[in-house]
PDB file of N, CA and C in Angstrom:
ATOM      1  N   MET A   1     -29.574   9.352   9.532  1.00  0.00           N
ATOM      2  CA  MET A   1     -28.174   9.259   9.930  1.00  0.00           C
ATOM      3  C   MET A   1     -27.285   9.776   8.800  1.00  0.00           C
ATOM      4  N   ASP A   2     -26.133  10.241   9.161  1.00  0.00           N
ATOM      5  CA  ASP A   2     -25.208  10.794   8.191  1.00  0.00           C
ATOM      6  C   ASP A   2     -24.739   9.704   7.221  1.00  0.00           C
ATOM      7  N   LYS A   3     -24.676  10.018   5.948  1.00  0.00           N
ATOM      8  CA  LYS A   3     -24.295   9.032   4.933  1.00  0.00           C
ATOM      9  C   LYS A   3     -22.858   8.556   5.111  1.00  0.00           C
ATOM     10  N   ILE A   4     -21.991   9.442   5.519  1.00  0.00           N
ATOM     11  CA  ILE A   4     -20.588   9.054   5.720  1.00  0.00           C
ATOM     12  C   ILE A   4     -20.473   8.043   6.851  1.00  0.00           C
ATOM     13  N   LYS A   5     -21.222   8.250   7.922  1.00  0.00           N
ATOM     14  CA  LYS A   5     -21.185   7.317   9.051  1.00  0.00           C
ATOM     15  C   LYS A   5     -21.738   5.956   8.653  1.00  0.00           C
ATOM     16  N   LEU A   6     -22.717   5.922   7.790  1.00  0.00           N
ATOM     17  CA  LEU A   6     -23.261   4.649   7.318  1.00  0.00           C
ATOM     18  C   LEU A   6     -22.207   3.860   6.536  1.00  0.00           C
ATOM     19  N   ILE A   7     -21.473   4.554   5.698  1.00  0.00           N
ATOM     20  CA  ILE A   7     -20.427   3.895   4.914  1.00  0.00           C
ATOM     21  C   ILE A   7     -19.291   3.437   5.822  1.00  0.00           C
ATOM     22  N   GLU A   8     -18.922   4.267   6.812  1.00  0.00           N
ATOM     23  CA  GLU A   8     -17.837   3.908   7.726  1.00  0.00           C
ATOM     24  C   GLU A   8     -18.174   2.691   8.566  1.00  0.00           C
ATOM     25  N   GLU A   9     -19.435   2.509   8.919  1.00  0.00           N
ATOM     26  CA  GLU A   9     -19.835   1.369   9.732  1.00  0.00           C
ATOM     27  C   GLU A   9     -19.512   0.044   9.057  1.00  0.00           C
ATOM     28  N   ALA A  10     -19.633  -0.008   7.744  1.00  0.00           N
ATOM     29  CA  ALA A  10     -19.339  -1.244   7.016  1.00  0.00           C
ATOM     30  C   ALA A  10     -17.858  -1.594   7.106  1.00  0.00           C
ATOM     31  N   TYR A  11     -16.989  -0.597   7.148  1.00  0.00           N
ATOM     32  CA  TYR A  11     -15.551  -0.840   7.164  1.00  0.00           C
ATOM     33  C   TYR A  11     -14.990  -1.012   8.574  1.00  0.00           C
ATOM     34  N   THR A  12     -15.719  -0.546   9.587  1.00  0.00           N
ATOM     35  CA  THR A  12     -15.215  -0.641  10.956  1.00  0.00           C
ATOM     36  C   THR A  12     -15.738  -1.875  11.689  1.00  0.00           C
ATOM     37  N   LYS A  13     -16.247  -2.840  10.976  1.00  0.00           N
ATOM     38  CA  LYS A  13     -16.720  -4.083  11.588  1.00  0.00           C
ATOM     39  C   LYS A  13     -15.560  -4.986  12.005  1.00  0.00           C
ATOM     40  N   LYS A  14     -14.364  -4.712  11.516  1.00  0.00           N
ATOM     41  CA  LYS A  14     -13.190  -5.520  11.814  1.00  0.00           C
ATOM     42  C   LYS A  14     -12.915  -5.523  13.314  1.00  0.00           C
ATOM     43  N   LYS A  15     -12.619  -6.700  13.857  1.00  0.00           N
ATOM     44  CA  LYS A  15     -12.358  -6.852  15.292  1.00  0.00           C
ATOM     45  C   LYS A  15     -10.946  -6.349  15.598  1.00  0.00           C
ATOM     46  N   VAL A  16     -10.860  -5.265  16.389  1.00  0.00           N
ATOM     47  CA  VAL A  16      -9.578  -4.647  16.729  1.00  0.00           C
ATOM     48  C   VAL A  16      -9.463  -4.608  18.250  1.00  0.00           C
ATOM     49  N   PRO A  17      -8.354  -5.109  18.811  1.00  0.00           N
ATOM     50  CA  PRO A  17      -8.217  -5.065  20.267  1.00  0.00           C
ATOM     51  C   PRO A  17      -8.003  -3.635  20.766  1.00  0.00           C
ATOM     52  N   ALA A  18      -8.353  -3.413  22.010  1.00  0.00           N
ATOM     53  CA  ALA A  18      -8.157  -2.083  22.617  1.00  0.00           C
ATOM     54  C   ALA A  18      -6.692  -1.943  23.014  1.00  0.00           C
ATOM     55  N   PHE A  19      -6.015  -0.975  22.432  1.00  0.00           N
ATOM     56  CA  PHE A  19      -4.629  -0.697  22.797  1.00  0.00           C
ATOM     57  C   PHE A  19      -4.422   0.801  22.782  1.00  0.00           C
ATOM     58  N   ASN A  20      -3.435   1.256  23.537  1.00  0.00           N
ATOM     59  CA  ASN A  20      -3.154   2.676  23.660  1.00  0.00           C
ATOM     60  C   ASN A  20      -1.692   2.951  23.378  1.00  0.00           C
ATOM     61  N   VAL A  21      -1.342   4.223  23.420  1.00  0.00           N
ATOM     62  CA  VAL A  21       0.048   4.628  23.255  1.00  0.00           C
ATOM     63  C   VAL A  21       0.840   4.088  24.441  1.00  0.00           C
ATOM     64  N   GLY A  22       2.020   3.530  24.164  1.00  0.00           N
ATOM     65  CA  GLY A  22       2.858   2.953  25.205  1.00  0.00           C
ATOM     66  C   GLY A  22       2.770   1.446  25.270  1.00  0.00           C
ATOM     67  N   ASP A  23       1.778   0.861  24.621  1.00  0.00           N
ATOM     68  CA  ASP A  23       1.631  -0.588  24.623  1.00  0.00           C
ATOM     69  C   ASP A  23       2.586  -1.219  23.618  1.00  0.00           C
ATOM     70  N   THR A  24       3.050  -2.422  23.940  1.00  0.00           N
ATOM     71  CA  THR A  24       3.862  -3.193  23.012  1.00  0.00           C
ATOM     72  C   THR A  24       2.926  -4.110  22.238  1.00  0.00           C
ATOM     73  N   VAL A  25       2.951  -3.996  20.916  1.00  0.00           N
ATOM     74  CA  VAL A  25       2.039  -4.765  20.070  1.00  0.00           C
ATOM     75  C   VAL A  25       2.810  -5.528  19.001  1.00  0.00           C
ATOM     76  N   ARG A  26       2.164  -6.578  18.497  1.00  0.00           N
ATOM     77  CA  ARG A  26       2.674  -7.313  17.342  1.00  0.00           C
ATOM     78  C   ARG A  26       1.622  -7.207  16.252  1.00  0.00           C
ATOM     79  N   VAL A  27       1.993  -6.588  15.138  1.00  0.00           N
ATOM     80  CA  VAL A  27       1.077  -6.406  14.010  1.00  0.00           C
ATOM     81  C   VAL A  27       1.457  -7.424  12.945  1.00  0.00           C
ATOM     82  N   LEU A  28       0.522  -8.289  12.589  1.00  0.00           N
ATOM     83  CA  LEU A  28       0.773  -9.291  11.557  1.00  0.00           C
ATOM     84  C   LEU A  28       0.278  -8.742  10.226  1.00  0.00           C
ATOM     85  N   VAL A  29       1.230  -8.470   9.322  1.00  0.00           N
ATOM     86  CA  VAL A  29       0.952  -7.824   8.047  1.00  0.00           C
ATOM     87  C   VAL A  29       0.984  -8.872   6.942  1.00  0.00           C
ATOM     88  N   LYS A  30       0.012  -8.779   6.035  1.00  0.00           N
ATOM     89  CA  LYS A  30      -0.031  -9.688   4.882  1.00  0.00           C
ATOM     90  C   LYS A  30       0.952  -9.204   3.832  1.00  0.00           C
ATOM     91  N   ILE A  31       1.781 -10.133   3.332  1.00  0.00           N
ATOM     92  CA  ILE A  31       2.719  -9.814   2.262  1.00  0.00           C
ATOM     93  C   ILE A  31       2.488 -10.806   1.130  1.00  0.00           C
ATOM     94  N   ALA A  32       2.226 -10.280  -0.058  1.00  0.00           N
ATOM     95  CA  ALA A  32       1.968 -11.132  -1.213  1.00  0.00           C
ATOM     96  C   ALA A  32       3.289 -11.653  -1.768  1.00  0.00           C
ATOM     97  N   GLU A  33       3.347 -12.971  -1.954  1.00  0.00           N
ATOM     98  CA  GLU A  33       4.524 -13.605  -2.553  1.00  0.00           C
ATOM     99  C   GLU A  33       4.075 -14.384  -3.779  1.00  0.00           C
ATOM    100  N   GLY A  34       3.954 -13.706  -4.872  1.00  0.00           N
ATOM    101  CA  GLY A  34       3.514 -14.361  -6.092  1.00  0.00           C
ATOM    102  C   GLY A  34       2.034 -14.126  -6.334  1.00  0.00           C
ATOM    103  N   GLN A  35       1.447 -14.981  -7.167  1.00  0.00           N
ATOM    104  CA  GLN A  35       0.055 -14.799  -7.570  1.00  0.00           C
ATOM    105  C   GLN A  35      -0.928 -15.119  -6.446  1.00  0.00           C
ATOM    106  N   ASP A  36      -0.804 -16.303  -5.863  1.00  0.00           N
ATOM    107  CA  ASP A  36      -1.799 -16.755  -4.897  1.00  0.00           C
ATOM    108  C   ASP A  36      -1.263 -16.894  -3.481  1.00  0.00           C
ATOM    109  N   LYS A  37       0.028 -16.731  -3.291  1.00  0.00           N
ATOM    110  CA  LYS A  37       0.615 -16.963  -1.979  1.00  0.00           C
ATOM    111  C   LYS A  37       0.669 -15.671  -1.164  1.00  0.00           C
ATOM    112  N   VAL A  38       0.281 -15.794   0.093  1.00  0.00           N
ATOM    113  CA  VAL A  38       0.337 -14.672   1.026  1.00  0.00           C
ATOM    114  C   VAL A  38       0.951 -15.185   2.318  1.00  0.00           C
ATOM    115  N   ARG A  39       1.898 -14.441   2.854  1.00  0.00           N
ATOM    116  CA  ARG A  39       2.479 -14.827   4.138  1.00  0.00           C
ATOM    117  C   ARG A  39       2.278 -13.701   5.131  1.00  0.00           C
ATOM    118  N   LEU A  40       2.357 -14.042   6.409  1.00  0.00           N
ATOM    119  CA  LEU A  40       2.184 -13.062   7.470  1.00  0.00           C
ATOM    120  C   LEU A  40       3.548 -12.684   8.027  1.00  0.00           C
ATOM    121  N   HIS A  41       3.816 -11.401   8.069  1.00  0.00           N
ATOM    122  CA  HIS A  41       5.091 -10.896   8.587  1.00  0.00           C
ATOM    123  C   HIS A  41       4.819 -10.086   9.861  1.00  0.00           C
ATOM    124  N   PRO A  42       5.398 -10.489  11.003  1.00  0.00           N
ATOM    125  CA  PRO A  42       5.145  -9.740  12.239  1.00  0.00           C
ATOM    126  C   PRO A  42       6.004  -8.489  12.344  1.00  0.00           C
ATOM    127  N   PHE A  43       5.422  -7.419  12.851  1.00  0.00           N
ATOM    128  CA  PHE A  43       6.140  -6.177  13.146  1.00  0.00           C
ATOM    129  C   PHE A  43       5.827  -5.867  14.598  1.00  0.00           C
ATOM    130  N   GLU A  44       6.819  -6.042  15.468  1.00  0.00           N
ATOM    131  CA  GLU A  44       6.614  -5.929  16.907  1.00  0.00           C
ATOM    132  C   GLU A  44       7.340  -4.711  17.449  1.00  0.00           C
ATOM    133  N   GLY A  45       6.613  -3.866  18.188  1.00  0.00           N
ATOM    134  CA  GLY A  45       7.225  -2.681  18.753  1.00  0.00           C
ATOM    135  C   GLY A  45       6.272  -1.932  19.654  1.00  0.00           C
ATOM    136  N   ILE A  46       6.671  -0.716  20.023  1.00  0.00           N
ATOM    137  CA  ILE A  46       5.897   0.121  20.928  1.00  0.00           C
ATOM    138  C   ILE A  46       5.053   1.094  20.118  1.00  0.00           C
ATOM    139  N   VAL A  47       3.805   1.243  20.494  1.00  0.00           N
ATOM    140  CA  VAL A  47       2.923   2.224  19.856  1.00  0.00           C
ATOM    141  C   VAL A  47       3.331   3.590  20.382  1.00  0.00           C
ATOM    142  N   ILE A  48       3.811   4.471  19.485  1.00  0.00           N
ATOM    143  CA  ILE A  48       4.254   5.795  19.929  1.00  0.00           C
ATOM    144  C   ILE A  48       3.242   6.884  19.599  1.00  0.00           C
ATOM    145  N   ALA A  49       2.249   6.589  18.742  1.00  0.00           N
ATOM    146  CA  ALA A  49       1.256   7.609  18.399  1.00  0.00           C
ATOM    147  C   ALA A  49       0.006   6.954  17.831  1.00  0.00           C
ATOM    148  N   LYS A  50      -1.132   7.605  18.095  1.00  0.00           N
ATOM    149  CA  LYS A  50      -2.397   7.257  17.467  1.00  0.00           C
ATOM    150  C   LYS A  50      -3.017   8.557  16.989  1.00  0.00           C
ATOM    151  N   ARG A  51      -3.680   8.509  15.834  1.00  0.00           N
ATOM    152  CA  ARG A  51      -4.299   9.722  15.306  1.00  0.00           C
ATOM    153  C   ARG A  51      -5.533   9.349  14.495  1.00  0.00           C
ATOM    154  N   GLY A  52      -6.406  10.331  14.315  1.00  0.00           N
ATOM    155  CA  GLY A  52      -7.579  10.148  13.476  1.00  0.00           C
ATOM    156  C   GLY A  52      -8.764   9.562  14.227  1.00  0.00           C
ATOM    157  N   SER A  53      -9.864   9.424  13.494  1.00  0.00           N
ATOM    158  CA  SER A  53     -11.063   8.826  14.055  1.00  0.00           C
ATOM    159  C   SER A  53     -11.821   8.102  12.950  1.00  0.00           C
ATOM    160  N   GLY A  54     -12.636   7.157  13.322  1.00  0.00           N
ATOM    161  CA  GLY A  54     -13.408   6.389  12.350  1.00  0.00           C
ATOM    162  C   GLY A  54     -12.502   5.530  11.479  1.00  0.00           C
ATOM    163  N   THR A  55     -12.784   5.509  10.188  1.00  0.00           N
ATOM    164  CA  THR A  55     -11.961   4.715   9.276  1.00  0.00           C
ATOM    165  C   THR A  55     -10.627   5.384   9.001  1.00  0.00           C
ATOM    166  N   ASN A  56     -10.485   6.616   9.435  1.00  0.00           N
ATOM    167  CA  ASN A  56      -9.264   7.387   9.195  1.00  0.00           C
ATOM    168  C   ASN A  56      -8.219   7.188  10.291  1.00  0.00           C
ATOM    169  N   THR A  57      -8.451   6.289  11.230  1.00  0.00           N
ATOM    170  CA  THR A  57      -7.550   6.077  12.353  1.00  0.00           C
ATOM    171  C   THR A  57      -6.282   5.378  11.900  1.00  0.00           C
ATOM    172  N   SER A  58      -5.143   5.855  12.398  1.00  0.00           N
ATOM    173  CA  SER A  58      -3.873   5.183  12.144  1.00  0.00           C
ATOM    174  C   SER A  58      -3.039   5.233  13.408  1.00  0.00           C
ATOM    175  N   PHE A  59      -2.048   4.343  13.473  1.00  0.00           N
ATOM    176  CA  PHE A  59      -1.166   4.303  14.626  1.00  0.00           C
ATOM    177  C   PHE A  59       0.255   4.033  14.155  1.00  0.00           C
ATOM    178  N   THR A  60       1.229   4.532  14.927  1.00  0.00           N
ATOM    179  CA  THR A  60       2.637   4.400  14.585  1.00  0.00           C
ATOM    180  C   THR A  60       3.295   3.441  15.568  1.00  0.00           C
ATOM    181  N   VAL A  61       4.029   2.460  15.032  1.00  0.00           N
ATOM    182  CA  VAL A  61       4.741   1.483  15.849  1.00  0.00           C
ATOM    183  C   VAL A  61       6.235   1.662  15.601  1.00  0.00           C
ATOM    184  N   ARG A  62       7.021   1.675  16.699  1.00  0.00           N
ATOM    185  CA  ARG A  62       8.469   1.851  16.598  1.00  0.00           C
ATOM    186  C   ARG A  62       9.160   0.644  17.208  1.00  0.00           C
ATOM    187  N   LYS A  63      10.164   0.133  16.506  1.00  0.00           N
ATOM    188  CA  LYS A  63      10.973  -0.954  17.037  1.00  0.00           C
ATOM    189  C   LYS A  63      12.438  -0.672  16.760  1.00  0.00           C
ATOM    190  N   ILE A  64      13.297  -1.337  17.502  1.00  0.00           N
ATOM    191  CA  ILE A  64      14.737  -1.219  17.314  1.00  0.00           C
ATOM    192  C   ILE A  64      15.212  -2.516  16.674  1.00  0.00           C
ATOM    193  N   SER A  65      15.820  -2.428  15.503  1.00  0.00           N
ATOM    194  CA  SER A  65      16.310  -3.597  14.795  1.00  0.00           C
ATOM    195  C   SER A  65      17.775  -3.402  14.451  1.00  0.00           C
ATOM    196  N   TYR A  66      18.628  -4.229  15.052  1.00  0.00           N
ATOM    197  CA  TYR A  66      20.076  -4.148  14.841  1.00  0.00           C
ATOM    198  C   TYR A  66      20.611  -2.754  15.140  1.00  0.00           C
ATOM    199  N   GLY A  67      20.103  -2.158  16.220  1.00  0.00           N
ATOM    200  CA  GLY A  67      20.569  -0.854  16.652  1.00  0.00           C
ATOM    201  C   GLY A  67      20.002   0.326  15.893  1.00  0.00           C
ATOM    202  N   GLU A  68      19.137   0.076  14.946  1.00  0.00           N
ATOM    203  CA  GLU A  68      18.543   1.133  14.134  1.00  0.00           C
ATOM    204  C   GLU A  68      17.048   1.204  14.438  1.00  0.00           C
ATOM    205  N   GLY A  69      16.536   2.405  14.670  1.00  0.00           N
ATOM    206  CA  GLY A  69      15.120   2.573  14.954  1.00  0.00           C
ATOM    207  C   GLY A  69      14.295   2.538  13.677  1.00  0.00           C
ATOM    208  N   ILE A  70      13.208   1.778  13.702  1.00  0.00           N
ATOM    209  CA  ILE A  70      12.326   1.657  12.545  1.00  0.00           C
ATOM    210  C   ILE A  70      10.918   2.012  12.996  1.00  0.00           C
ATOM    211  N   GLU A  71      10.276   2.934  12.275  1.00  0.00           N
ATOM    212  CA  GLU A  71       8.902   3.312  12.568  1.00  0.00           C
ATOM    213  C   GLU A  71       8.037   2.979  11.367  1.00  0.00           C
ATOM    214  N   ARG A  72       6.830   2.538  11.663  1.00  0.00           N
ATOM    215  CA  ARG A  72       5.910   2.214  10.582  1.00  0.00           C
ATOM    216  C   ARG A  72       4.516   2.683  10.976  1.00  0.00           C
ATOM    217  N   VAL A  73       3.838   3.337  10.057  1.00  0.00           N
ATOM    218  CA  VAL A  73       2.490   3.840  10.288  1.00  0.00           C
ATOM    219  C   VAL A  73       1.504   2.866   9.653  1.00  0.00           C
ATOM    220  N   PHE A  74       0.541   2.409  10.456  1.00  0.00           N
ATOM    221  CA  PHE A  74      -0.462   1.463   9.979  1.00  0.00           C
ATOM    222  C   PHE A  74      -1.845   2.098  10.026  1.00  0.00           C
ATOM    223  N   PRO A  75      -2.624   2.045   8.945  1.00  0.00           N
ATOM    224  CA  PRO A  75      -4.039   2.394   9.044  1.00  0.00           C
ATOM    225  C   PRO A  75      -4.740   1.290   9.848  1.00  0.00           C
ATOM    226  N   LEU A  76      -5.543   1.665  10.824  1.00  0.00           N
ATOM    227  CA  LEU A  76      -6.122   0.689  11.750  1.00  0.00           C
ATOM    228  C   LEU A  76      -7.024  -0.321  11.052  1.00  0.00           C
ATOM    229  N   TYR A  77      -7.818   0.134  10.102  1.00  0.00           N
ATOM    230  CA  TYR A  77      -8.764  -0.757   9.427  1.00  0.00           C
ATOM    231  C   TYR A  77      -8.276  -1.196   8.053  1.00  0.00           C
ATOM    232  N   SER A  78      -6.978  -1.306   7.883  1.00  0.00           N
ATOM    233  CA  SER A  78      -6.403  -1.710   6.609  1.00  0.00           C
ATOM    234  C   SER A  78      -6.655  -3.196   6.352  1.00  0.00           C
ATOM    235  N   PRO A  79      -6.982  -3.567   5.108  1.00  0.00           N
ATOM    236  CA  PRO A  79      -7.115  -4.990   4.795  1.00  0.00           C
ATOM    237  C   PRO A  79      -5.768  -5.712   4.779  1.00  0.00           C
ATOM    238  N   GLY A  80      -4.674  -4.969   4.776  1.00  0.00           N
ATOM    239  CA  GLY A  80      -3.343  -5.565   4.799  1.00  0.00           C
ATOM    240  C   GLY A  80      -2.908  -6.038   6.173  1.00  0.00           C
ATOM    241  N   ILE A  81      -3.682  -5.710   7.195  1.00  0.00           N
ATOM    242  CA  ILE A  81      -3.370  -6.162   8.554  1.00  0.00           C
ATOM    243  C   ILE A  81      -4.243  -7.371   8.864  1.00  0.00           C
ATOM    244  N   GLU A  82      -3.593  -8.486   9.170  1.00  0.00           N
ATOM    245  CA  GLU A  82      -4.335  -9.701   9.534  1.00  0.00           C
ATOM    246  C   GLU A  82      -4.899  -9.575  10.941  1.00  0.00           C
ATOM    247  N   ARG A  83      -4.032  -9.273  11.914  1.00  0.00           N
ATOM    248  CA  ARG A  83      -4.492  -9.067  13.281  1.00  0.00           C
ATOM    249  C   ARG A  83      -3.446  -8.290  14.075  1.00  0.00           C
ATOM    250  N   ILE A  84      -3.881  -7.768  15.212  1.00  0.00           N
ATOM    251  CA  ILE A  84      -3.016  -7.020  16.116  1.00  0.00           C
ATOM    252  C   ILE A  84      -3.063  -7.716  17.465  1.00  0.00           C
ATOM    253  N   GLU A  85      -1.881  -8.038  18.008  1.00  0.00           N
ATOM    254  CA  GLU A  85      -1.800  -8.697  19.306  1.00  0.00           C
ATOM    255  C   GLU A  85      -1.158  -7.732  20.294  1.00  0.00           C
ATOM    256  N   VAL A  86      -1.802  -7.520  21.424  1.00  0.00           N
ATOM    257  CA  VAL A  86      -1.237  -6.675  22.476  1.00  0.00           C
ATOM    258  C   VAL A  86      -0.406  -7.565  23.382  1.00  0.00           C
ATOM    259  N   LEU A  87       0.916  -7.326  23.414  1.00  0.00           N
ATOM    260  CA  LEU A  87       1.810  -8.150  24.211  1.00  0.00           C
ATOM    261  C   LEU A  87       1.965  -7.617  25.629  1.00  0.00           C
ATOM    262  N   ARG A  88       2.033  -6.303  25.762  1.00  0.00           N
ATOM    263  CA  ARG A  88       2.232  -5.683  27.072  1.00  0.00           C
ATOM    264  C   ARG A  88       1.605  -4.304  27.054  1.00  0.00           C
ATOM    265  N   SER A  89       0.922  -3.956  28.121  1.00  0.00           N
ATOM    266  CA  SER A  89       0.351  -2.613  28.170  1.00  0.00           C
ATOM    267  C   SER A  89       1.252  -1.738  29.020  1.00  0.00           C
ATOM    268  N   GLY A  90       1.529  -0.540  28.535  1.00  0.00           N
ATOM    269  CA  GLY A  90       2.414   0.377  29.229  1.00  0.00           C
ATOM    270  C   GLY A  90       1.649   1.534  29.835  1.00  0.00           C
ATOM    271  N   LYS A  91       2.238   2.121  30.852  1.00  0.00           N
ATOM    272  CA  LYS A  91       1.619   3.274  31.506  1.00  0.00           C
ATOM    273  C   LYS A  91       2.452   4.495  31.170  1.00  0.00           C
ATOM    274  N   VAL A  92       1.886   5.404  30.402  1.00  0.00           N
ATOM    275  CA  VAL A  92       2.591   6.613  29.988  1.00  0.00           C
ATOM    276  C   VAL A  92       1.740   7.823  30.319  1.00  0.00           C
ATOM    277  N   LYS A  93       2.383   8.986  30.357  1.00  0.00           N
ATOM    278  CA  LYS A  93       1.688  10.219  30.706  1.00  0.00           C
ATOM    279  C   LYS A  93       1.546  11.156  29.514  1.00  0.00           C
ATOM    280  N   ARG A  94       1.868  10.671  28.322  1.00  0.00           N
ATOM    281  CA  ARG A  94       1.806  11.525  27.137  1.00  0.00           C
ATOM    282  C   ARG A  94       1.015  10.833  26.036  1.00  0.00           C
ATOM    283  N   ALA A  95       0.504  11.633  25.121  1.00  0.00           N
ATOM    284  CA  ALA A  95      -0.258  11.092  24.004  1.00  0.00           C
ATOM    285  C   ALA A  95       0.644  10.665  22.861  1.00  0.00           C
ATOM    286  N   LYS A  96       1.797  11.297  22.730  1.00  0.00           N
ATOM    287  CA  LYS A  96       2.755  10.962  21.680  1.00  0.00           C
ATOM    288  C   LYS A  96       4.121  10.718  22.333  1.00  0.00           C
ATOM    289  N   LEU A  97       4.758   9.615  21.978  1.00  0.00           N
ATOM    290  CA  LEU A  97       6.034   9.251  22.596  1.00  0.00           C
ATOM    291  C   LEU A  97       7.200   9.492  21.638  1.00  0.00           C
ATOM    292  N   TYR A  98       7.213  10.670  21.027  1.00  0.00           N
ATOM    293  CA  TYR A  98       8.269  10.974  20.068  1.00  0.00           C
ATOM    294  C   TYR A  98       9.633  11.107  20.742  1.00  0.00           C
ATOM    295  N   TYR A  99       9.675  11.298  22.051  1.00  0.00           N
ATOM    296  CA  TYR A  99      10.950  11.416  22.744  1.00  0.00           C
ATOM    297  C   TYR A  99      11.732  10.107  22.727  1.00  0.00           C
ATOM    298  N   LEU A 100      11.088   8.988  22.404  1.00  0.00           N
ATOM    299  CA  LEU A 100      11.795   7.710  22.319  1.00  0.00           C
ATOM    300  C   LEU A 100      12.750   7.661  21.135  1.00  0.00           C
ATOM    301  N   ARG A 101      12.598   8.568  20.191  1.00  0.00           N
ATOM    302  CA  ARG A 101      13.482   8.588  19.025  1.00  0.00           C
ATOM    303  C   ARG A 101      14.914   8.922  19.414  1.00  0.00           C
ATOM    304  N   GLU A 102      15.099   9.698  20.479  1.00  0.00           N
ATOM    305  CA  GLU A 102      16.439  10.065  20.919  1.00  0.00           C
ATOM    306  C   GLU A 102      17.052   9.046  21.870  1.00  0.00           C
ATOM    307  N   LYS A 103      16.253   8.132  22.403  1.00  0.00           N
ATOM    308  CA  LYS A 103      16.742   7.159  23.376  1.00  0.00           C
ATOM    309  C   LYS A 103      17.483   6.030  22.668  1.00  0.00           C
ATOM    310  N   ILE A 104      18.417   5.419  23.392  1.00  0.00           N
ATOM    311  CA  ILE A 104      19.249   4.352  22.828  1.00  0.00           C
ATOM    312  C   ILE A 104      19.154   3.135  23.737  1.00  0.00           C
ATOM    313  N   GLY A 105      19.136   1.943  23.148  1.00  0.00           N
ATOM    314  CA  GLY A 105      19.190   0.697  23.903  1.00  0.00           C
ATOM    315  C   GLY A 105      17.908   0.406  24.656  1.00  0.00           C
ATOM    316  N   LYS A 106      18.069  -0.083  25.888  1.00  0.00           N
ATOM    317  CA  LYS A 106      16.923  -0.492  26.684  1.00  0.00           C
ATOM    318  C   LYS A 106      16.013   0.685  27.038  1.00  0.00           C
ATOM    319  N   ARG A 107      16.589   1.875  27.147  1.00  0.00           N
ATOM    320  CA  ARG A 107      15.792   3.053  27.480  1.00  0.00           C
ATOM    321  C   ARG A 107      14.768   3.375  26.377  1.00  0.00           C
ATOM    322  N   ALA A 108      15.052   2.935  25.162  1.00  0.00           N
ATOM    323  CA  ALA A 108      14.158   3.211  24.042  1.00  0.00           C
ATOM    324  C   ALA A 108      12.992   2.231  23.982  1.00  0.00           C
ATOM    325  N   THR A 109      13.114   1.090  24.646  1.00  0.00           N
ATOM    326  CA  THR A 109      12.073   0.078  24.548  1.00  0.00           C
ATOM    327  C   THR A 109      11.415  -0.231  25.879  1.00  0.00           C
ATOM    328  N   LYS A 110      12.011   0.193  26.970  1.00  0.00           N
ATOM    329  CA  LYS A 110      11.485  -0.138  28.297  1.00  0.00           C
ATOM    330  C   LYS A 110      10.480   0.907  28.741  1.00  0.00           C
ATOM    331  N   ILE A 111       9.209   0.532  28.748  1.00  0.00           N
ATOM    332  CA  ILE A 111       8.152   1.390  29.265  1.00  0.00           C
ATOM    333  C   ILE A 111       7.491   0.601  30.376  1.00  0.00           C
ATOM    334  N   GLU A 112       7.412   1.185  31.561  1.00  0.00           N
ATOM    335  CA  GLU A 112       6.859   0.464  32.700  1.00  0.00           C
ATOM    336  C   GLU A 112       5.395   0.145  32.464  1.00  0.00           C
ATOM    337  N   SER A 113       5.028  -1.102  32.744  1.00  0.00           N
ATOM    338  CA  SER A 113       3.639  -1.503  32.569  1.00  0.00           C
ATOM    339  C   SER A 113       2.868  -1.197  33.842  1.00  0.00           C
ATOM    340  N   GLU A 114       1.556  -1.263  33.730  1.00  0.00           N
ATOM    341  CA  GLU A 114       0.704  -0.961  34.874  1.00  0.00           C
ATOM    342  C   GLU A 114       0.857  -2.021  35.964  1.00  0.00           C
ATOM    343  N   GLU A 115       1.186  -3.253  35.591  1.00  0.00           N
ATOM    344  CA  GLU A 115       1.368  -4.318  36.579  1.00  0.00           C
ATOM    345  C   GLU A 115       2.645  -4.099  37.394  1.00  0.00           C
ATOM    346  N   GLU A 116       3.710  -3.586  36.742  1.00  0.00           N
ATOM    347  CA  GLU A 116       4.976  -3.361  37.429  1.00  0.00           C
ATOM    348  C   GLU A 116       4.870  -2.214  38.420  1.00  0.00           C
ATOM    349  N   LYS A 117       4.043  -1.209  38.121  1.00  0.00           N
ATOM    350  CA  LYS A 117       3.889  -0.059  39.004  1.00  0.00           C
ATOM    351  C   LYS A 117       3.176  -0.454  40.295  1.00  0.00           C
ATOM    352  N   ALA A 118       2.195  -1.338  40.198  1.00  0.00           N
ATOM    353  CA  ALA A 118       1.364  -1.688  41.367  1.00  0.00           C
ATOM    354  C   ALA A 118       2.052  -2.588  42.344  1.00  0.00           C
TER     355      ALA A 118
END
C-alpha cells in the first residue's frame, strides 16, 4: 500500500458526520484561554464550499453576524475542531455557493431543505 495513504489513515480516524454544501452546520472550535483552560466556541452557518481529499480536505462556512458576512475555512481533520453538528440539510444544485456573498438578509441564509421540497 502507498506510504502516504498509510499515514493518512492514522489522521482520518476522527468521527466526522456526513455533510454537504448547502447544509447548516455548527462547528465547535477549541479556544485556549490561558495555560490549561480550553473553551468551545460555536461557529454556526451554511457550508458554501468543500475542497480537497484525504487529510487535505477543508470546508468553508459562512454566517451573517450583525449584518456583516463572515466566512471561515476549517480543515476537516483539524485537532482544533471538537465536533461538527449538522443542524439542517439543504438541497442545492451547485458545488460552490459563492453567489450567497452578494445576497442580503434572509436570502443569504435561507436554503430550502430536502424535507421542505417534498
